[in-house]
């Protein structure tokens, strides 16, 4: 066999093995593709494949458990493990770093007919994935001296610098309360369950501070403000957007000064910078 043919054969084996690893156990098409490429005289080949598949399932369960501990608590370990295995087969990893695998779980949970009686789970998973992603963000040093610009310059020329990993999620369920109750017991599980029964909608604000992902509830005004700041808006335009959320009746009041003080204290806002000029 020439070197080129040997390379082609090896590539075919590798591709068939990867397909078989992510196929459901015993799936005929993948086994039919792989087995002719293996040494049929070795009875351990199929047992080895089964072992690799079992290890893949265990790895999927372990990786998702690290990213979605609240979902596991809510549906139970057995159901969570089955969910992890299903995701492994239907949305296999696309990169070698499995700590980055799991982005498909929120939509996967939301569309799962077996979990239809808990429609809030998809949004809870979104919050958990945002927290997981924030853990990988780099920390940024605050720039306290830059805040003096707020009293010296036109707010239409300035914008707020947000901490790494800042992300907002809007939900018709009390998702921030549910996640915080399971992770920190504040609010309590009983209080979060009561908010769920009463149909409270909540926004969730996720960011990274001091090497740790953080989470708090936020209003629709704050969600609008942060979304506009992230899109490049200046402070004046972003504040107009926040006030629109108040005007539509979803909020009673939004005190920008009070919010900014808390956001700086909590590390959500780290400084002030010059806003980009609007595009034509």
Protein backbone atom coordinates (compact mmCIF):
# COMPACT_ATOMS: atom_id res chain seq x y z
CA UNK A 1 0.00 0.00 0.00
CA UNK A 2 1.38 3.39 -0.94
CA UNK A 3 1.74 6.14 1.64
CA UNK A 4 -1.08 8.12 -0.02
CA UNK A 5 -3.41 5.11 0.10
CA UNK A 6 -2.48 4.43 3.72
CA UNK A 7 -3.24 8.03 4.63
CA UNK A 8 -6.60 7.88 2.86
CA UNK A 9 -7.48 4.63 4.63
CA UNK A 10 -6.53 6.08 8.01
CA UNK A 11 -8.63 9.18 7.38
CA UNK A 12 -11.59 6.99 6.43
CA UNK A 13 -11.16 4.98 9.64
CA UNK A 14 -10.95 8.12 11.75
CA UNK A 15 -14.03 9.67 10.16
CA UNK A 16 -16.03 6.46 10.55
CA UNK A 17 -14.90 6.12 14.17
CA UNK A 18 -15.99 9.68 15.01
CA UNK A 19 -19.38 9.05 13.37
CA UNK A 20 -19.76 5.83 15.33
CA UNK A 21 -18.81 7.47 18.64
CA UNK A 22 -21.56 10.04 18.32
CA UNK A 23 -24.13 7.59 16.96
CA UNK A 24 -26.63 5.97 19.25
CA UNK A 25 -25.59 2.56 20.52
CA UNK A 26 -26.08 -0.12 17.90
CA UNK A 27 -27.12 2.25 15.13
CA UNK A 28 -26.80 0.05 12.06
CA UNK A 29 -25.64 2.59 9.49
CA UNK A 30 -22.63 3.78 11.46
CA UNK A 31 -21.54 0.28 12.44
CA UNK A 32 -21.87 -0.84 8.85
CA UNK A 33 -19.65 2.06 7.85
CA UNK A 34 -17.01 1.39 10.50
CA UNK A 35 -16.70 -2.37 10.84
CA UNK A 36 -15.44 -3.10 7.31
CA UNK A 37 -12.55 -0.72 7.99
CA UNK A 38 -11.45 -2.60 11.10
CA UNK A 39 -9.66 -5.88 11.51
CA UNK A 40 -12.54 -8.36 11.54
CA UNK A 41 -10.32 -11.01 13.11
CA UNK A 42 -10.09 -9.01 16.32
CA UNK A 43 -13.24 -9.61 18.43
CA UNK A 44 -12.34 -6.73 20.73
CA UNK A 45 -13.02 -4.06 18.11
CA UNK A 46 -16.76 -3.86 18.69
CA UNK A 47 -16.33 -4.06 22.47
CA UNK A 48 -13.80 -1.26 22.21
CA UNK A 49 -16.27 0.88 20.27
CA UNK A 50 -18.93 0.27 22.91
CA UNK A 51 -16.46 1.28 25.60
CA UNK A 52 -15.63 4.50 23.75
CA UNK A 53 -19.35 5.27 23.38
CA UNK A 54 -19.93 4.69 27.11
CA UNK A 55 -17.00 6.95 27.96
CA UNK A 56 -18.45 9.59 25.64
CA UNK A 57 -21.77 9.44 27.48
CA UNK A 58 -20.03 9.80 30.85
CA UNK A 59 -18.04 12.75 29.52
CA UNK A 60 -21.20 14.42 28.20
CA UNK A 61 -22.92 14.03 31.55
CA UNK A 62 -19.93 15.41 33.44
CA UNK A 63 -19.46 18.43 31.15
CA UNK A 64 -23.12 19.44 31.16
CA UNK A 65 -23.41 18.91 34.90
CA UNK A 66 -20.66 21.49 35.42
CA UNK A 67 -22.46 24.04 33.25
CA UNK A 68 -26.10 23.33 34.21
CA UNK A 69 -26.26 22.33 37.89
CA UNK A 70 -29.67 23.98 38.37
CA UNK A 71 -31.24 22.11 35.45
CA UNK A 72 -29.95 18.86 36.97
CA UNK A 73 -31.47 19.72 40.33
CA UNK A 74 -34.79 20.59 38.72
CA UNK A 75 -35.25 17.46 36.61
CA UNK A 76 -33.22 14.94 38.62
CA UNK A 77 -29.92 13.20 37.88
CA UNK A 78 -31.35 10.31 35.86
CA UNK A 79 -33.34 12.55 33.54
CA UNK A 80 -30.40 14.95 33.27
CA UNK A 81 -28.02 12.15 32.29
CA UNK A 82 -30.44 10.98 29.59
CA UNK A 83 -30.73 14.58 28.37
CA UNK A 84 -26.92 14.89 28.20
CA UNK A 85 -26.64 11.68 26.18
CA UNK A 86 -29.34 12.85 23.75
CA UNK A 87 -27.58 16.19 23.28
CA UNK A 88 -24.26 14.36 22.73
CA UNK A 89 -25.81 12.48 19.80
CA UNK A 90 -27.91 15.25 18.29
CA UNK A 91 -25.51 18.18 18.85
CA UNK A 92 -22.01 16.67 19.20
CA UNK A 93 -19.05 18.89 20.13
CA UNK A 94 -17.53 20.89 17.30
CA UNK A 95 -14.25 21.68 19.05
CA UNK A 96 -11.81 19.90 21.33
CA UNK A 97 -12.52 22.04 24.41
CA UNK A 98 -15.58 20.33 25.85
CA UNK A 99 -15.93 23.06 28.48
CA UNK A 100 -17.33 25.17 25.62
CA UNK A 101 -19.88 22.51 24.63
CA UNK A 102 -23.51 22.92 25.70
CA UNK A 103 -24.76 26.03 23.91
CA UNK A 104 -27.51 23.98 22.25
CA UNK A 105 -29.01 22.76 25.54
CA UNK A 106 -31.38 25.72 26.24
CA UNK A 107 -33.20 25.31 22.91
CA UNK A 108 -32.98 21.51 23.22
CA UNK A 109 -34.67 21.65 26.63
CA UNK A 110 -37.30 24.14 25.47
CA UNK A 111 -38.30 21.89 22.56
CA UNK A 112 -38.27 18.62 24.53
CA UNK A 113 -41.87 17.31 24.72
CA UNK A 114 -41.07 15.37 27.89
CA UNK A 115 -40.32 18.67 29.66
CA UNK A 116 -43.30 20.58 28.28
CA UNK A 117 -44.88 20.80 31.74
CA UNK A 118 -41.92 22.95 32.88
CA UNK A 119 -41.73 25.63 30.17
CA UNK A 120 -39.36 27.78 32.25
CA UNK A 121 -36.51 25.27 31.96
CA UNK A 122 -35.29 26.61 28.61
CA UNK A 123 -34.89 30.11 30.03
CA UNK A 124 -33.22 28.77 33.17
CA UNK A 125 -30.75 26.94 30.93
CA UNK A 126 -30.07 30.20 29.06
CA UNK A 127 -29.12 31.88 32.33
CA UNK A 128 -26.88 28.99 33.32
CA UNK A 129 -25.12 28.97 29.95
CA UNK A 130 -24.50 32.72 30.19
CA UNK A 131 -23.01 32.20 33.66
CA UNK A 132 -20.85 29.37 32.33
CA UNK A 133 -19.61 31.51 29.43
CA UNK A 134 -18.88 34.45 31.74
CA UNK A 135 -16.54 32.23 33.74
CA UNK A 136 -14.22 32.09 30.73
CA UNK A 137 -14.10 35.84 30.17
CA UNK A 138 -10.98 37.83 31.02
CA UNK A 139 -11.18 40.21 33.95
CA UNK A 140 -10.92 43.91 33.13
CA UNK A 141 -9.49 46.53 35.46
CA UNK A 142 -11.94 49.31 36.36
CA UNK A 143 -11.13 52.88 35.36
CA UNK A 144 -12.54 54.99 38.23
CA UNK A 145 -11.00 58.28 37.06
CA UNK A 146 -12.96 58.06 33.77
CA UNK A 147 -16.27 58.67 35.60
CA UNK A 148 -15.33 62.34 36.02
CA UNK A 149 -16.09 62.72 32.32
CA UNK A 150 -19.80 62.33 33.12
CA UNK A 151 -19.79 65.79 34.73
CA UNK A 152 -17.48 67.38 32.20
CA UNK A 153 -18.65 66.18 28.78
CA UNK A 154 -21.82 65.83 26.74
CA UNK A 155 -23.49 62.43 27.42
CA UNK A 156 -24.19 62.17 23.70
CA UNK A 157 -20.42 61.79 23.16
CA UNK A 158 -19.87 59.21 25.92
CA UNK A 159 -20.72 55.58 26.58
CA UNK A 160 -20.35 53.25 29.55
CA UNK A 161 -17.74 50.50 29.61
CA UNK A 162 -19.32 47.21 30.69
CA UNK A 163 -17.58 44.37 32.47
CA UNK A 164 -16.57 41.27 30.49
CA UNK A 165 -19.30 38.72 29.94
CA UNK A 166 -22.21 41.12 30.52
CA UNK A 167 -25.35 39.51 29.16
CA UNK A 168 -29.05 40.13 29.71
CA UNK A 169 -31.90 37.65 29.37
CA UNK A 170 -35.57 38.54 29.31
CA UNK A 171 -38.05 35.91 30.39
CA UNK A 172 -41.74 35.59 31.20
CA UNK A 173 -40.62 33.49 34.18
CA UNK A 174 -38.67 34.46 37.32
CA UNK A 175 -35.50 32.88 35.94
CA UNK A 176 -32.98 34.87 37.98
CA UNK A 177 -34.79 34.02 41.20
CA UNK A 178 -34.96 30.33 40.28
CA UNK A 179 -31.25 30.09 39.54
CA UNK A 180 -30.19 32.15 42.56
CA UNK A 181 -32.43 30.09 44.84
CA UNK A 182 -30.75 26.87 43.74
CA UNK A 183 -27.20 28.20 43.74
CA UNK A 184 -27.21 30.62 46.68
CA UNK A 185 -30.49 30.06 48.57
CA UNK A 186 -31.24 33.77 48.19
CA UNK A 187 -34.10 34.09 47.57
CA UNK A 188 -35.20 30.82 49.11
CA UNK A 189 -36.59 28.02 46.98
CA UNK A 190 -40.02 28.66 48.49
CA UNK A 191 -39.87 32.35 47.54
CA UNK A 192 -38.74 31.54 43.99
CA UNK A 193 -41.49 28.93 43.63
CA UNK A 194 -44.04 31.46 44.84
CA UNK A 195 -42.87 33.98 42.22
CA UNK A 196 -43.20 31.24 39.60
CA UNK A 197 -46.76 30.40 40.69
CA UNK A 198 -47.73 34.07 40.58
CA UNK A 199 -46.44 34.42 37.04
CA UNK A 200 -43.72 37.00 37.71
CA UNK A 201 -41.59 37.85 34.69
CA UNK A 202 -37.94 38.64 35.30
CA UNK A 203 -34.87 39.84 33.52
CA UNK A 204 -31.48 38.36 34.37
CA UNK A 205 -28.20 40.24 34.30
CA UNK A 206 -25.02 38.17 34.06
CA UNK A 207 -21.46 39.48 34.24
CA UNK A 208 -18.00 38.59 35.54
CA UNK A 209 -16.45 40.26 38.57
CA UNK A 210 -13.38 39.24 40.55
CA UNK A 211 -12.85 36.08 38.49
CA UNK A 212 -16.39 34.89 39.23
CA UNK A 213 -19.60 34.93 37.17
CA UNK A 214 -22.33 36.96 38.82
CA UNK A 215 -26.12 37.08 38.47
CA UNK A 216 -28.84 39.47 39.55
CA UNK A 217 -32.42 40.28 38.63
CA UNK A 218 -32.88 43.29 36.39
CA UNK A 219 -35.77 45.33 35.02
CA UNK A 220 -36.72 45.69 31.39
CA UNK A 221 -35.39 49.27 31.54
CA UNK A 222 -31.95 47.98 32.54
CA UNK A 223 -32.13 45.32 29.84
CA UNK A 224 -32.89 47.97 27.22
CA UNK A 225 -30.13 50.24 28.53
CA UNK A 226 -27.46 47.54 28.47
CA UNK A 227 -28.53 46.19 25.09
CA UNK A 228 -28.20 49.65 23.55
CA UNK A 229 -24.83 50.28 25.22
CA UNK A 230 -23.56 46.97 23.86
CA UNK A 231 -24.69 47.96 20.38
CA UNK A 232 -22.54 51.10 20.57
CA UNK A 233 -25.11 53.69 21.65
CA UNK A 234 -24.09 56.75 23.60
CA UNK A 235 -25.39 57.25 27.13
CA UNK A 236 -28.15 59.69 26.14
CA UNK A 237 -29.58 57.37 23.46
CA UNK A 238 -29.33 54.31 25.72
CA UNK A 239 -31.13 56.20 28.48
CA UNK A 240 -33.90 57.14 26.05
CA UNK A 241 -34.32 53.45 25.28
CA UNK A 242 -34.52 52.61 28.98
CA UNK A 243 -37.15 55.28 29.51
CA UNK A 244 -39.19 53.84 26.64
CA UNK A 245 -39.43 50.62 28.63
CA UNK A 246 -40.81 52.66 31.53
CA UNK A 247 -43.25 54.52 29.31
CA UNK A 248 -44.74 51.32 27.87
CA UNK A 249 -46.04 50.44 31.31
CA UNK A 250 -43.67 47.56 32.12
CA UNK A 251 -41.83 49.63 34.73
CA UNK A 252 -43.01 52.21 37.25
CA UNK A 253 -39.75 54.14 37.52
CA UNK A 254 -36.11 53.98 36.50
CA UNK A 255 -33.54 56.02 38.41
CA UNK A 256 -30.44 56.09 36.20
CA UNK A 257 -28.21 57.68 38.86
CA UNK A 258 -29.13 55.05 41.44
CA UNK A 259 -28.66 52.26 38.92
CA UNK A 260 -25.28 53.58 37.83
CA UNK A 261 -24.04 53.80 41.42
CA UNK A 262 -25.04 50.19 42.06
CA UNK A 263 -23.68 49.02 38.69
CA UNK A 264 -20.29 50.57 39.41
CA UNK A 265 -20.26 49.15 42.95
CA UNK A 266 -21.17 45.68 41.67
CA UNK A 267 -18.60 45.84 38.86
CA UNK A 268 -21.13 45.77 36.01
CA UNK A 269 -19.90 49.14 34.74
CA UNK A 270 -16.14 49.63 34.87
CA UNK A 271 -15.66 53.04 33.28
CA UNK A 272 -16.61 55.67 30.72
CA UNK A 273 -15.30 55.90 27.17
CA UNK A 274 -15.87 57.99 24.08
CA UNK A 275 -18.88 56.81 22.11
CA UNK A 276 -18.40 55.77 18.53
CA UNK A 277 -19.91 58.23 16.04
CA UNK A 278 -23.19 56.98 14.55
CA UNK A 279 -22.88 55.26 11.20
CA UNK A 280 -24.46 56.91 8.21
